[in-house]
Amino acid sequence: MMRKMAKRVAAGVGLLAMSARQSVWAALPTPVAPSTAPAAGDWIGLIKGYIKDGGLVLGLAIAVLGFVWVAYLGFAKFNEARQGKAEWAEVGVLGIVGAVVLIFASYLLTEAAGVI
C-alpha cells in the first residue's frame, strides 16, 4: 500500500516538475472580427459589431422558421387535398400566398441588414 502511494506521489512530483520546466500554451485560433471591422482597441465598436451580427443571425433564423412553416402548411394542405378533405384550389392559394410571404420576408431581411 505504501509503495502504491509512493509511486503516485513520485508520478505527481514528476509531472509537476515537467510542467514547471516547459511553458504550456494552447495554440488557439484568433477570433473572427465582426462584419463592421472596428478599429484596434475599440471595444465598444467590437461589441456593437457582434450585436449587429447576432441580430442578423437571429433574423435569418426567424426567416428559416417561416420558410419551414410555409413548407409544412403546404404539405399538410396537399395531404388534405389528396384525402378529399380540402380542394385543390386551396393548395394553389396557399402556394401563391406562401410564396408572397416568403418573398416579403426575404425583402425585409435584406433591408434590415442594410439598416442595422
Protein backbone atom coordinates (compact mmCIF):
# COMPACT_ATOMS: atom_id res chain seq x y z
CA MET A 1 0.00 0.00 0.00
CA MET A 2 2.83 2.38 0.85
CA ARG A 3 4.57 1.54 -2.40
CA LYS A 4 1.50 2.45 -4.45
CA MET A 5 1.22 5.71 -2.60
CA ALA A 6 4.92 6.41 -3.07
CA LYS A 7 4.60 5.71 -6.80
CA ARG A 8 1.65 8.08 -7.07
CA VAL A 9 3.49 10.82 -5.21
CA ALA A 10 6.58 10.31 -7.37
CA ALA A 11 4.49 10.43 -10.54
CA GLY A 12 2.74 13.61 -9.35
CA VAL A 13 6.04 15.27 -8.46
CA GLY A 14 7.50 14.24 -11.82
CA LEU A 15 4.52 15.67 -13.74
CA LEU A 16 4.71 18.86 -11.71
CA ALA A 17 8.42 19.21 -12.43
CA MET A 18 7.90 18.61 -16.15
CA SER A 19 5.09 21.12 -16.37
CA ALA A 20 7.14 23.71 -14.50
CA ARG A 21 10.04 23.36 -16.94
CA GLN A 22 8.04 23.69 -20.16
CA SER A 23 5.73 26.53 -20.97
CA VAL A 24 2.37 25.17 -21.97
CA TRP A 25 0.41 27.46 -24.28
CA ALA A 26 -2.58 26.43 -26.30
CA ALA A 27 -2.50 27.30 -29.99
CA LEU A 28 -5.96 28.82 -30.07
CA PRO A 29 -7.25 30.40 -33.25
CA THR A 30 -7.82 34.13 -33.35
CA PRO A 31 -11.48 35.15 -33.03
CA VAL A 32 -13.30 36.27 -36.12
CA ALA A 33 -13.91 40.02 -36.20
CA PRO A 34 -17.48 41.21 -36.76
CA SER A 35 -18.55 42.37 -40.19
CA THR A 36 -18.24 46.06 -39.24
CA ALA A 37 -14.47 45.68 -38.61
CA PRO A 38 -13.89 48.22 -35.81
CA ALA A 39 -10.52 49.84 -35.20
CA ALA A 40 -7.99 48.08 -32.99
CA GLY A 41 -8.75 48.65 -29.32
CA ASP A 42 -12.32 49.87 -29.94
CA TRP A 43 -14.14 47.51 -27.59
CA ILE A 44 -17.48 49.31 -27.85
CA GLY A 45 -17.36 49.09 -31.65
CA LEU A 46 -16.45 45.42 -31.38
CA ILE A 47 -19.39 44.69 -29.09
CA LYS A 48 -21.74 46.67 -31.36
CA GLY A 49 -20.49 44.67 -34.34
CA TYR A 50 -21.10 41.36 -32.59
CA ILE A 51 -24.59 42.52 -31.55
CA LYS A 52 -25.32 43.50 -35.15
CA ASP A 53 -24.14 40.15 -36.45
CA GLY A 54 -26.17 38.38 -33.76
CA GLY A 55 -29.27 40.32 -34.76
CA LEU A 56 -28.77 39.35 -38.38
CA VAL A 57 -28.35 35.69 -37.44
CA LEU A 58 -31.49 35.86 -35.29
CA GLY A 59 -33.41 37.41 -38.19
CA LEU A 60 -32.17 34.69 -40.51
CA ALA A 61 -33.22 32.02 -38.01
CA ILE A 62 -36.72 33.51 -37.81
CA ALA A 63 -36.90 33.62 -41.61
CA VAL A 64 -35.83 29.97 -41.80
CA LEU A 65 -38.60 29.09 -39.36
CA GLY A 66 -41.02 30.95 -41.61
CA PHE A 67 -39.84 29.00 -44.65
CA VAL A 68 -40.20 25.71 -42.77
CA TRP A 69 -43.66 26.68 -41.51
CA VAL A 70 -44.92 27.56 -45.01
CA ALA A 71 -43.49 24.29 -46.35
CA TYR A 72 -45.19 22.34 -43.54
CA LEU A 73 -48.53 24.03 -44.24
CA GLY A 74 -48.12 23.32 -47.95
CA PHE A 75 -47.51 19.62 -47.35
CA ALA A 76 -50.38 19.41 -44.87
CA LYS A 77 -52.80 21.12 -47.27
CA PHE A 78 -51.59 18.91 -50.13
CA ASN A 79 -52.23 15.83 -47.99
CA GLU A 80 -55.72 17.08 -47.12
CA ALA A 81 -56.46 17.66 -50.81
CA ARG A 82 -55.35 14.13 -51.67
CA GLN A 83 -57.66 12.72 -48.99
CA GLY A 84 -60.57 14.81 -50.24
CA LYS A 85 -60.80 16.98 -47.12
CA ALA A 86 -59.72 20.14 -48.96
CA GLU A 87 -59.96 21.41 -52.51
CA TRP A 88 -57.00 21.72 -54.84
CA ALA A 89 -57.70 25.41 -55.22
CA GLU A 90 -56.82 25.83 -51.54
CA VAL A 91 -53.44 24.25 -52.21
CA GLY A 92 -52.85 26.68 -55.08
CA VAL A 93 -53.89 29.68 -52.98
CA LEU A 94 -51.63 28.56 -50.15
CA GLY A 95 -48.74 28.19 -52.59
CA ILE A 96 -49.23 31.67 -54.02
CA VAL A 97 -49.76 33.36 -50.65
CA GLY A 98 -46.85 31.42 -49.13
CA ALA A 99 -44.55 32.49 -51.95
CA VAL A 100 -45.57 36.12 -51.50
CA VAL A 101 -44.99 35.93 -47.74
CA LEU A 102 -41.56 34.35 -48.22
CA ILE A 103 -40.53 36.93 -50.81
CA PHE A 104 -41.66 39.71 -48.48
CA ALA A 105 -39.72 38.15 -45.57
CA SER A 106 -36.60 37.95 -47.75
CA TYR A 107 -37.04 41.60 -48.73
CA LEU A 108 -37.38 42.64 -45.09
CA LEU A 109 -34.22 40.70 -44.20
CA THR A 110 -32.16 42.42 -46.87
CA GLU A 111 -33.47 45.83 -45.81
CA ALA A 112 -32.79 45.08 -42.14
CA ALA A 113 -29.23 44.03 -42.94
CA GLY A 114 -28.63 47.43 -44.50
CA VAL A 115 -30.25 49.36 -41.65
CA ILE A 116 -28.61 47.52 -38.77
